[in-house]
Every structure is written in structure tokens, then in C-alpha cells.
Amino acid sequence: MHVNDQAADAEEHEAGPADFMADDEFDPDVIEFFVAGEPVPQGSTKAFYIKKLERVVTTHTNANTDAWRNRIATEAQHANELRPQSYFSDDRRSGYEVIMEFTFTRPKSTPKRWKLNTKRPDLDKLVRAVLDGITNVLIPDDSQVVRITAGKCYGDCDRSPGLRISIRRLD
């Protein structure tokens, strides 16, 4: 008896962004995805020399950073799996442009008339966490990023907190 595994897989498959693109719309040099959840900054790195172990140990000041970076890496990997071909390339000559939009829950104490998110966390620390999250998943090294566009805003009723990201490979 022959079992049609493709039909079973198709029933369980959740439609993703790649499923709604026509073949002529697919751009092999661009990948876009959304990471749900409150964005977390990288935090400062501190190094300590431990004489007893005779080595340097580095720590991060934000305990939630690792979980946020892992969530970014997971969503990046999932978006890559939905593509007809993998986005990752070992080519160290390629540069990348990264566009990031961070959406935060508006604190109850923040007046509605405030349109810009000028509060912490710092945008540069948010960016550092994202670049660490996509390194070795979508890009070989974050030093290959040659252009960054980033912003942060409050997500009112129409936008959920999270990160919307677009990465373009440049030649």
C-alpha cells in the first residue's frame, strides 16, 4: 500500500510568506520575517579576569538577551526554510543591508500624544542583538553588514510588539 506523504504534509503545513509569492516575485537576495514579542536590547558586555581559572569571563548585563537572540535565530531559520532556496551563503565578499523596525508596547504612563518612542532601550543595543541573532543563520558574519536602517515605535491597536526585519544581499 502506498501512502501519499506529501498530501499529509500539505494538510499540516501552515501558510507562510513564501507561499503567497508568485515565482516571478521571488528575490533570492532578500529575506523578510517578523519576530513576535517585546524586543530586548543586547546590554553591555563586561569582562572579568578570574585568577583562579587563569582566564577571562565575559557576561551580559541583560539576562533576557539570549532568549531574544534565540527567538530571532529561530524565526530567521523558519523563514529560510520556507524559501525555494536557502538564503545563507558562505561568500565573505557579499555585503548585506539590514532594515529593522522594532515595535514596543506603549507604557500606560506614556501620553498618547507622544508619537515617537524616545525612551529606553537604546536603538543601537537593539540592533546589536538582532545582528548577533542572524549571524551564522542568514549571514556568515555581522561585519558583512554594510548598511543598517533601524527604527523603533509604539505599537498601538494595529501593531503587535516585535521586530520586522528585511535583509538584502549586496554584490
N, C-alpha and C. Protein backbone atom coordinates (compact mmCIF):
# COMPACT_ATOMS: atom_id res chain seq x y z
N MET A 1 0.85 -1.18 0.00
CA MET A 1 0.00 0.00 0.00
C MET A 1 0.89 1.24 0.00
N HIS A 2 0.60 2.19 -0.86
CA HIS A 2 1.38 3.41 -0.99
C HIS A 2 0.68 4.54 -0.21
N VAL A 3 1.47 5.21 0.61
CA VAL A 3 0.94 6.33 1.39
C VAL A 3 1.46 7.62 0.78
N ASN A 4 0.57 8.55 0.56
CA ASN A 4 0.95 9.84 -0.02
C ASN A 4 1.35 10.78 1.12
N ASP A 5 2.66 10.83 1.41
CA ASP A 5 3.15 11.69 2.50
C ASP A 5 3.03 13.16 2.16
N GLN A 6 3.13 13.52 0.89
CA GLN A 6 3.03 14.92 0.51
C GLN A 6 1.66 15.49 0.84
N ALA A 7 0.63 14.73 0.63
CA ALA A 7 -0.72 15.20 0.94
C ALA A 7 -0.87 15.43 2.44
N ALA A 8 -0.32 14.52 3.24
CA ALA A 8 -0.40 14.67 4.69
C ALA A 8 0.39 15.89 5.15
N ASP A 9 1.59 16.09 4.56
CA ASP A 9 2.39 17.26 4.90
C ASP A 9 1.69 18.55 4.50
N ALA A 10 1.02 18.54 3.35
CA ALA A 10 0.33 19.74 2.88
C ALA A 10 -0.81 20.13 3.82
N GLU A 11 -1.47 19.14 4.39
CA GLU A 11 -2.57 19.44 5.30
C GLU A 11 -2.06 20.07 6.59
N GLU A 12 -0.86 19.66 7.05
CA GLU A 12 -0.32 20.18 8.29
C GLU A 12 0.45 21.47 8.10
N HIS A 13 0.80 21.80 6.86
CA HIS A 13 1.63 22.97 6.58
C HIS A 13 0.86 24.26 6.83
N GLU A 14 1.48 25.14 7.60
CA GLU A 14 0.90 26.46 7.84
C GLU A 14 1.44 27.41 6.79
N ALA A 15 0.57 28.13 6.11
CA ALA A 15 0.99 29.03 5.04
C ALA A 15 1.92 30.10 5.57
N GLY A 16 3.00 30.33 4.88
CA GLY A 16 3.95 31.36 5.24
C GLY A 16 4.07 32.37 4.13
N PRO A 17 4.93 33.40 4.29
CA PRO A 17 5.05 34.45 3.29
C PRO A 17 5.46 33.93 1.93
N ALA A 18 6.31 32.91 1.89
CA ALA A 18 6.79 32.38 0.61
C ALA A 18 5.66 31.71 -0.17
N ASP A 19 4.63 31.21 0.52
CA ASP A 19 3.53 30.54 -0.14
C ASP A 19 2.65 31.49 -0.94
N PHE A 20 2.71 32.79 -0.64
CA PHE A 20 1.86 33.75 -1.31
C PHE A 20 2.59 34.52 -2.40
N MET A 21 3.86 34.16 -2.65
CA MET A 21 4.64 34.84 -3.67
C MET A 21 4.53 34.06 -4.98
N ALA A 22 4.32 34.76 -6.04
CA ALA A 22 4.39 34.14 -7.36
C ALA A 22 5.87 33.92 -7.67
N ASP A 23 6.16 32.98 -8.58
CA ASP A 23 7.56 32.67 -8.92
C ASP A 23 8.31 33.89 -9.40
N ASP A 24 7.64 34.79 -10.12
CA ASP A 24 8.33 35.97 -10.63
C ASP A 24 8.57 37.02 -9.53
N GLU A 25 7.95 36.87 -8.36
CA GLU A 25 8.15 37.80 -7.25
C GLU A 25 9.29 37.39 -6.33
N PHE A 26 9.74 36.15 -6.41
CA PHE A 26 10.79 35.66 -5.52
C PHE A 26 12.11 36.35 -5.84
N ASP A 27 12.70 36.95 -4.81
CA ASP A 27 14.01 37.60 -4.95
C ASP A 27 14.99 36.81 -4.10
N PRO A 28 15.95 36.13 -4.70
CA PRO A 28 16.88 35.31 -3.93
C PRO A 28 17.81 36.12 -3.02
N ASP A 29 17.87 37.43 -3.25
CA ASP A 29 18.77 38.29 -2.47
C ASP A 29 18.08 38.98 -1.30
N VAL A 30 16.78 38.71 -1.08
CA VAL A 30 16.03 39.36 0.00
C VAL A 30 15.32 38.31 0.84
N ILE A 31 15.35 38.52 2.16
CA ILE A 31 14.55 37.69 3.07
C ILE A 31 13.92 38.63 4.09
N GLU A 32 12.65 38.39 4.40
CA GLU A 32 11.91 39.22 5.35
C GLU A 32 11.15 38.32 6.30
N PHE A 33 11.06 38.74 7.57
CA PHE A 33 10.29 37.98 8.54
C PHE A 33 9.96 38.86 9.75
N PHE A 34 9.09 38.33 10.62
CA PHE A 34 8.65 39.03 11.81
C PHE A 34 8.96 38.17 13.03
N VAL A 35 9.47 38.81 14.08
CA VAL A 35 9.73 38.13 15.35
C VAL A 35 8.79 38.74 16.38
N ALA A 36 7.84 37.95 16.87
CA ALA A 36 6.87 38.45 17.84
C ALA A 36 7.47 38.53 19.23
N GLY A 37 7.01 39.49 19.99
CA GLY A 37 7.46 39.65 21.37
C GLY A 37 8.10 41.00 21.60
N GLU A 38 8.21 41.36 22.85
CA GLU A 38 8.82 42.64 23.22
C GLU A 38 10.32 42.59 22.93
N PRO A 39 10.84 43.48 22.07
CA PRO A 39 12.27 43.47 21.74
C PRO A 39 13.15 43.69 22.97
N VAL A 40 14.30 43.03 22.99
CA VAL A 40 15.24 43.09 24.11
C VAL A 40 16.59 43.58 23.60
N PRO A 41 17.18 44.56 24.28
CA PRO A 41 18.49 45.07 23.84
C PRO A 41 19.63 44.11 24.21
N GLN A 42 20.75 44.30 23.54
CA GLN A 42 21.93 43.47 23.79
C GLN A 42 22.44 43.61 25.22
N GLY A 43 22.48 44.80 25.74
CA GLY A 43 23.05 45.01 27.06
C GLY A 43 24.54 45.19 26.95
N SER A 44 25.13 45.71 27.98
CA SER A 44 26.57 45.94 27.98
C SER A 44 27.30 44.64 28.30
N THR A 45 28.47 44.49 27.72
CA THR A 45 29.30 43.33 27.99
C THR A 45 30.38 43.72 28.97
N LYS A 46 30.57 42.89 29.97
CA LYS A 46 31.62 43.13 30.96
C LYS A 46 32.53 41.92 30.99
N ALA A 47 33.82 42.19 31.10
CA ALA A 47 34.80 41.11 31.16
C ALA A 47 35.50 41.13 32.52
N PHE A 48 35.72 39.95 33.05
CA PHE A 48 36.40 39.79 34.34
C PHE A 48 37.51 38.76 34.19
N TYR A 49 38.64 39.04 34.79
CA TYR A 49 39.72 38.06 34.81
C TYR A 49 39.61 37.29 36.12
N ILE A 50 39.50 35.97 36.01
CA ILE A 50 39.42 35.12 37.20
C ILE A 50 40.79 34.46 37.38
N LYS A 51 41.47 34.92 38.39
CA LYS A 51 42.85 34.49 38.61
C LYS A 51 42.93 32.99 38.87
N LYS A 52 41.99 32.46 39.64
CA LYS A 52 41.99 31.04 39.98
C LYS A 52 41.90 30.16 38.72
N LEU A 53 41.07 30.60 37.74
CA LEU A 53 40.91 29.85 36.49
C LEU A 53 41.92 30.29 35.42
N GLU A 54 42.59 31.39 35.67
CA GLU A 54 43.53 31.99 34.72
C GLU A 54 42.90 32.21 33.35
N ARG A 55 41.72 32.81 33.36
CA ARG A 55 41.04 33.14 32.10
C ARG A 55 40.09 34.31 32.29
N VAL A 56 39.68 34.85 31.16
CA VAL A 56 38.74 35.97 31.16
C VAL A 56 37.34 35.44 30.90
N VAL A 57 36.39 35.92 31.67
CA VAL A 57 34.99 35.54 31.51
C VAL A 57 34.21 36.78 31.14
N THR A 58 33.35 36.69 30.11
CA THR A 58 32.52 37.83 29.73
C THR A 58 31.07 37.56 30.11
N THR A 59 30.38 38.61 30.54
CA THR A 59 28.97 38.49 30.92
C THR A 59 28.19 39.63 30.27
N HIS A 60 26.89 39.42 30.15
CA HIS A 60 25.99 40.45 29.64
C HIS A 60 25.15 40.97 30.79
N THR A 61 24.83 42.26 30.75
CA THR A 61 24.05 42.84 31.84
C THR A 61 22.56 42.56 31.70
N ASN A 62 22.10 42.12 30.53
CA ASN A 62 20.68 41.85 30.34
C ASN A 62 20.47 40.34 30.25
N ALA A 63 19.79 39.78 31.23
CA ALA A 63 19.58 38.33 31.31
C ALA A 63 18.64 37.81 30.21
N ASN A 64 17.79 38.67 29.64
CA ASN A 64 16.83 38.24 28.63
C ASN A 64 17.38 38.25 27.21
N THR A 65 18.60 38.71 27.04
CA THR A 65 19.17 38.85 25.69
C THR A 65 19.28 37.51 24.97
N ASP A 66 19.76 36.49 25.65
CA ASP A 66 19.95 35.19 24.99
C ASP A 66 18.64 34.62 24.46
N ALA A 67 17.57 34.73 25.24
CA ALA A 67 16.27 34.22 24.79
C ALA A 67 15.77 34.99 23.56
N TRP A 68 15.96 36.31 23.54
CA TRP A 68 15.54 37.14 22.40
C TRP A 68 16.36 36.79 21.16
N ARG A 69 17.68 36.66 21.30
CA ARG A 69 18.53 36.29 20.16
C ARG A 69 18.14 34.92 19.63
N ASN A 70 17.83 33.98 20.52
CA ASN A 70 17.41 32.65 20.08
C ASN A 70 16.09 32.70 19.34
N ARG A 71 15.17 33.57 19.78
CA ARG A 71 13.89 33.72 19.08
C ARG A 71 14.12 34.29 17.68
N ILE A 72 15.02 35.26 17.57
CA ILE A 72 15.35 35.84 16.26
C ILE A 72 15.94 34.76 15.36
N ALA A 73 16.89 33.98 15.88
CA ALA A 73 17.53 32.93 15.10
C ALA A 73 16.51 31.88 14.65
N THR A 74 15.58 31.53 15.53
CA THR A 74 14.55 30.54 15.20
C THR A 74 13.64 31.04 14.09
N GLU A 75 13.18 32.28 14.19
CA GLU A 75 12.31 32.85 13.15
C GLU A 75 13.06 33.02 11.83
N ALA A 76 14.35 33.38 11.91
CA ALA A 76 15.16 33.51 10.72
C ALA A 76 15.31 32.16 10.02
N GLN A 77 15.56 31.14 10.80
CA GLN A 77 15.70 29.79 10.25
C GLN A 77 14.39 29.32 9.63
N HIS A 78 13.28 29.60 10.30
CA HIS A 78 11.96 29.21 9.78
C HIS A 78 11.67 29.93 8.46
N ALA A 79 11.95 31.23 8.40
CA ALA A 79 11.74 31.98 7.15
C ALA A 79 12.62 31.43 6.04
N ASN A 80 13.83 31.04 6.37
CA ASN A 80 14.75 30.48 5.38
C ASN A 80 14.25 29.13 4.86
N GLU A 81 13.67 28.33 5.74
CA GLU A 81 13.16 27.01 5.35
C GLU A 81 11.96 27.12 4.41
N LEU A 82 11.22 28.22 4.46
CA LEU A 82 10.06 28.41 3.59
C LEU A 82 10.44 28.84 2.18
N ARG A 83 11.70 29.20 1.98
CA ARG A 83 12.17 29.67 0.67
C ARG A 83 12.47 28.49 -0.25
N PRO A 84 12.36 28.71 -1.56
CA PRO A 84 12.72 27.64 -2.51
C PRO A 84 14.21 27.29 -2.46
N GLN A 85 15.05 28.27 -2.10
CA GLN A 85 16.48 28.02 -1.93
C GLN A 85 16.96 28.76 -0.70
N SER A 86 17.99 28.22 -0.05
CA SER A 86 18.49 28.80 1.19
C SER A 86 19.08 30.18 0.95
N TYR A 87 18.87 31.08 1.89
CA TYR A 87 19.41 32.43 1.80
C TYR A 87 20.89 32.47 2.18
N PHE A 88 21.30 31.61 3.10
CA PHE A 88 22.66 31.64 3.63
C PHE A 88 23.68 31.36 2.53
N SER A 89 24.77 32.13 2.55
CA SER A 89 25.87 31.95 1.61
C SER A 89 27.18 32.13 2.38
N ASP A 90 28.14 31.25 2.12
CA ASP A 90 29.45 31.36 2.77
C ASP A 90 30.33 32.44 2.16
N ASP A 91 29.86 33.08 1.11
CA ASP A 91 30.67 34.07 0.39
C ASP A 91 30.95 35.28 1.28
N ARG A 92 32.19 35.45 1.67
CA ARG A 92 32.59 36.55 2.56
C ARG A 92 32.75 37.86 1.82
N ARG A 93 32.59 37.84 0.49
CA ARG A 93 32.69 39.07 -0.29
C ARG A 93 31.36 39.81 -0.36
N SER A 94 30.28 39.12 -0.04
CA SER A 94 28.95 39.75 -0.10
C SER A 94 28.75 40.69 1.08
N GLY A 95 28.10 41.80 0.79
CA GLY A 95 27.68 42.72 1.83
C GLY A 95 26.19 42.57 2.04
N TYR A 96 25.68 43.11 3.14
CA TYR A 96 24.25 42.99 3.45
C TYR A 96 23.71 44.32 3.92
N GLU A 97 22.48 44.58 3.52
CA GLU A 97 21.71 45.73 4.01
C GLU A 97 20.62 45.16 4.91
N VAL A 98 20.51 45.68 6.12
CA VAL A 98 19.52 45.18 7.08
C VAL A 98 18.60 46.33 7.47
N ILE A 99 17.29 46.10 7.34
CA ILE A 99 16.28 47.08 7.72
C ILE A 99 15.48 46.48 8.87
N MET A 100 15.41 47.20 10.00
CA MET A 100 14.74 46.70 11.19
C MET A 100 13.74 47.72 11.72
N GLU A 101 12.57 47.27 12.07
CA GLU A 101 11.57 48.13 12.71
C GLU A 101 11.13 47.43 14.00
N PHE A 102 11.46 48.03 15.13
CA PHE A 102 11.12 47.49 16.44
C PHE A 102 9.82 48.13 16.92
N THR A 103 8.87 47.31 17.32
CA THR A 103 7.60 47.80 17.82
C THR A 103 7.46 47.40 19.29
N PHE A 104 7.18 48.39 20.12
CA PHE A 104 7.06 48.18 21.56
C PHE A 104 5.63 48.44 22.03
N THR A 105 5.27 47.80 23.14
CA THR A 105 4.01 48.10 23.81
C THR A 105 4.14 49.48 24.44
N ARG A 106 3.14 50.33 24.22
CA ARG A 106 3.17 51.67 24.81
C ARG A 106 2.93 51.56 26.31
N PRO A 107 3.86 52.07 27.13
CA PRO A 107 3.62 52.05 28.58
C PRO A 107 2.39 52.89 28.93
N LYS A 108 1.66 52.45 29.94
CA LYS A 108 0.45 53.19 30.33
C LYS A 108 0.76 54.60 30.77
N SER A 109 1.99 54.83 31.26
CA SER A 109 2.36 56.16 31.74
C SER A 109 2.75 57.11 30.59
N THR A 110 2.88 56.59 29.38
CA THR A 110 3.28 57.42 28.24
C THR A 110 2.04 58.05 27.62
N PRO A 111 1.99 59.38 27.51
CA PRO A 111 0.83 60.04 26.92
C PRO A 111 0.62 59.65 25.45
N LYS A 112 -0.63 59.57 25.04
CA LYS A 112 -0.95 59.20 23.65
C LYS A 112 -0.41 60.21 22.65
N ARG A 113 -0.22 61.44 23.08
CA ARG A 113 0.25 62.48 22.15
C ARG A 113 1.73 62.28 21.78
N TRP A 114 2.45 61.46 22.54
CA TRP A 114 3.84 61.17 22.21
C TRP A 114 3.86 60.20 21.04
N LYS A 115 4.27 60.65 19.90
CA LYS A 115 4.28 59.83 18.70
C LYS A 115 5.56 59.00 18.57
N LEU A 116 6.69 59.54 19.07
CA LEU A 116 7.98 58.86 18.92
C LEU A 116 8.36 58.11 20.19
N ASN A 117 8.98 56.97 20.01
CA ASN A 117 9.48 56.19 21.15
C ASN A 117 10.89 56.67 21.45
N THR A 118 11.01 57.63 22.35
CA THR A 118 12.31 58.20 22.70
C THR A 118 12.82 57.65 24.04
N LYS A 119 12.20 56.62 24.52
CA LYS A 119 12.59 56.02 25.79
C LYS A 119 13.54 54.85 25.54
N ARG A 120 14.09 54.34 26.65
CA ARG A 120 14.94 53.15 26.55
C ARG A 120 14.11 51.98 26.07
N PRO A 121 14.70 51.01 25.43
CA PRO A 121 16.13 50.76 25.24
C PRO A 121 16.71 51.53 24.05
N ASP A 122 18.03 51.67 24.08
CA ASP A 122 18.74 52.36 23.00
C ASP A 122 18.65 51.54 21.72
N LEU A 123 18.48 52.25 20.62
CA LEU A 123 18.33 51.60 19.32
C LEU A 123 19.58 50.81 18.93
N ASP A 124 20.77 51.33 19.23
CA ASP A 124 21.99 50.62 18.84
C ASP A 124 22.13 49.28 19.56
N LYS A 125 21.65 49.19 20.80
CA LYS A 125 21.74 47.92 21.51
C LYS A 125 20.70 46.92 21.01
N LEU A 126 19.56 47.40 20.54
CA LEU A 126 18.57 46.53 19.91
C LEU A 126 19.15 45.95 18.61
N VAL A 127 19.81 46.80 17.84
CA VAL A 127 20.40 46.37 16.57
C VAL A 127 21.47 45.31 16.81
N ARG A 128 22.31 45.51 17.80
CA ARG A 128 23.38 44.54 18.09
C ARG A 128 22.81 43.16 18.42
N ALA A 129 21.71 43.12 19.15
CA ALA A 129 21.10 41.83 19.49
C ALA A 129 20.58 41.13 18.23
N VAL A 130 20.01 41.90 17.31
CA VAL A 130 19.48 41.32 16.07
C VAL A 130 20.62 40.77 15.21
N LEU A 131 21.68 41.55 15.06
CA LEU A 131 22.80 41.10 14.23
C LEU A 131 23.42 39.83 14.80
N ASP A 132 23.52 39.74 16.11
CA ASP A 132 24.02 38.51 16.72
C ASP A 132 23.07 37.34 16.48
N GLY A 133 21.76 37.62 16.44
CA GLY A 133 20.76 36.57 16.23
C GLY A 133 20.75 36.00 14.81
N ILE A 134 21.09 36.82 13.82
CA ILE A 134 21.06 36.33 12.43
C ILE A 134 22.42 35.83 11.94
N THR A 135 23.48 36.09 12.72
CA THR A 135 24.81 35.62 12.33
C THR A 135 24.87 34.09 12.41
N ASN A 136 25.43 33.49 11.39
CA ASN A 136 25.54 32.04 11.20
C ASN A 136 24.20 31.36 10.93
N VAL A 137 23.14 32.15 10.79
CA VAL A 137 21.84 31.61 10.39
C VAL A 137 21.51 32.13 8.98
N LEU A 138 21.59 33.45 8.80
CA LEU A 138 21.32 34.05 7.49
C LEU A 138 22.55 34.69 6.87
N ILE A 139 23.46 35.18 7.70
CA ILE A 139 24.69 35.80 7.21
C ILE A 139 25.88 35.17 7.92
N PRO A 140 27.03 35.05 7.24
CA PRO A 140 28.18 34.42 7.88
C PRO A 140 28.75 35.22 9.05
N ASP A 141 28.80 36.53 8.93
CA ASP A 141 29.42 37.36 9.95
C ASP A 141 28.76 38.74 9.95
N ASP A 142 28.46 39.28 11.13
CA ASP A 142 27.79 40.58 11.17
C ASP A 142 28.69 41.72 10.71
N SER A 143 29.98 41.47 10.54
CA SER A 143 30.86 42.51 9.98
C SER A 143 30.58 42.74 8.50
N GLN A 144 29.85 41.83 7.85
CA GLN A 144 29.50 41.97 6.44
C GLN A 144 28.31 42.91 6.22
N VAL A 145 27.66 43.34 7.29
CA VAL A 145 26.56 44.30 7.17
C VAL A 145 27.16 45.66 6.87
N VAL A 146 26.81 46.21 5.71
CA VAL A 146 27.39 47.48 5.27
C VAL A 146 26.39 48.63 5.37
N ARG A 147 25.12 48.32 5.56
CA ARG A 147 24.11 49.37 5.67
C ARG A 147 23.01 48.91 6.62
N ILE A 148 22.67 49.78 7.57
CA ILE A 148 21.61 49.47 8.54
C ILE A 148 20.62 50.62 8.56
N THR A 149 19.35 50.28 8.48
CA THR A 149 18.27 51.23 8.71
C THR A 149 17.43 50.65 9.84
N ALA A 150 17.25 51.42 10.91
CA ALA A 150 16.52 50.89 12.06
C ALA A 150 15.65 51.99 12.67
N GLY A 151 14.53 51.57 13.23
CA GLY A 151 13.64 52.49 13.92
C GLY A 151 12.89 51.76 15.01
N LYS A 152 12.35 52.54 15.94
CA LYS A 152 11.53 51.95 17.00
C LYS A 152 10.29 52.81 17.17
N CYS A 153 9.20 52.15 17.48
CA CYS A 153 7.93 52.87 17.63
C CYS A 153 7.07 52.14 18.64
N TYR A 154 5.96 52.79 18.99
CA TYR A 154 4.97 52.16 19.85
C TYR A 154 3.94 51.50 18.96
N GLY A 155 3.58 50.28 19.30
CA GLY A 155 2.53 49.60 18.56
C GLY A 155 1.21 49.85 19.25
N ASP A 156 0.39 50.67 18.65
CA ASP A 156 -0.91 50.90 19.24
C ASP A 156 -1.82 49.75 18.85
N CYS A 157 -3.06 49.96 18.69
CA CYS A 157 -4.02 48.88 18.45
C CYS A 157 -3.71 48.04 17.22
N ASP A 158 -3.08 48.64 16.21
CA ASP A 158 -2.91 47.95 14.93
C ASP A 158 -1.62 47.14 14.80
N ARG A 159 -0.67 47.28 15.72
CA ARG A 159 0.61 46.59 15.57
C ARG A 159 1.01 45.87 16.85
N SER A 160 1.40 44.62 16.68
CA SER A 160 1.86 43.82 17.82
C SER A 160 3.32 44.13 18.10
N PRO A 161 3.74 43.99 19.36
CA PRO A 161 5.15 44.19 19.65
C PRO A 161 6.01 43.14 18.97
N GLY A 162 7.18 43.55 18.54
CA GLY A 162 8.09 42.62 17.88
C GLY A 162 9.07 43.33 16.97
N LEU A 163 9.64 42.56 16.09
CA LEU A 163 10.66 43.03 15.16
C LEU A 163 10.28 42.62 13.75
N ARG A 164 10.21 43.59 12.86
CA ARG A 164 10.04 43.31 11.44
C ARG A 164 11.40 43.57 10.81
N ILE A 165 11.93 42.57 10.08
CA ILE A 165 13.28 42.67 9.54
C ILE A 165 13.32 42.27 8.07
N SER A 166 14.14 43.00 7.32
CA SER A 166 14.38 42.70 5.92
C SER A 166 15.90 42.73 5.69
N ILE A 167 16.41 41.70 5.04
CA ILE A 167 17.85 41.61 4.76
C ILE A 167 18.03 41.47 3.26
N ARG A 168 18.91 42.29 2.69
CA ARG A 168 19.20 42.25 1.26
C ARG A 168 20.69 41.99 1.06
N ARG A 169 21.00 40.99 0.24
CA ARG A 169 22.38 40.70 -0.11
C ARG A 169 22.82 41.67 -1.20
N LEU A 170 23.98 42.28 -1.02
CA LEU A 170 24.52 43.24 -1.98
C LEU A 170 25.78 42.66 -2.61
N ASP A 171 25.99 42.95 -3.89
CA ASP A 171 27.22 42.47 -4.57
C ASP A 171 28.18 43.61 -4.79
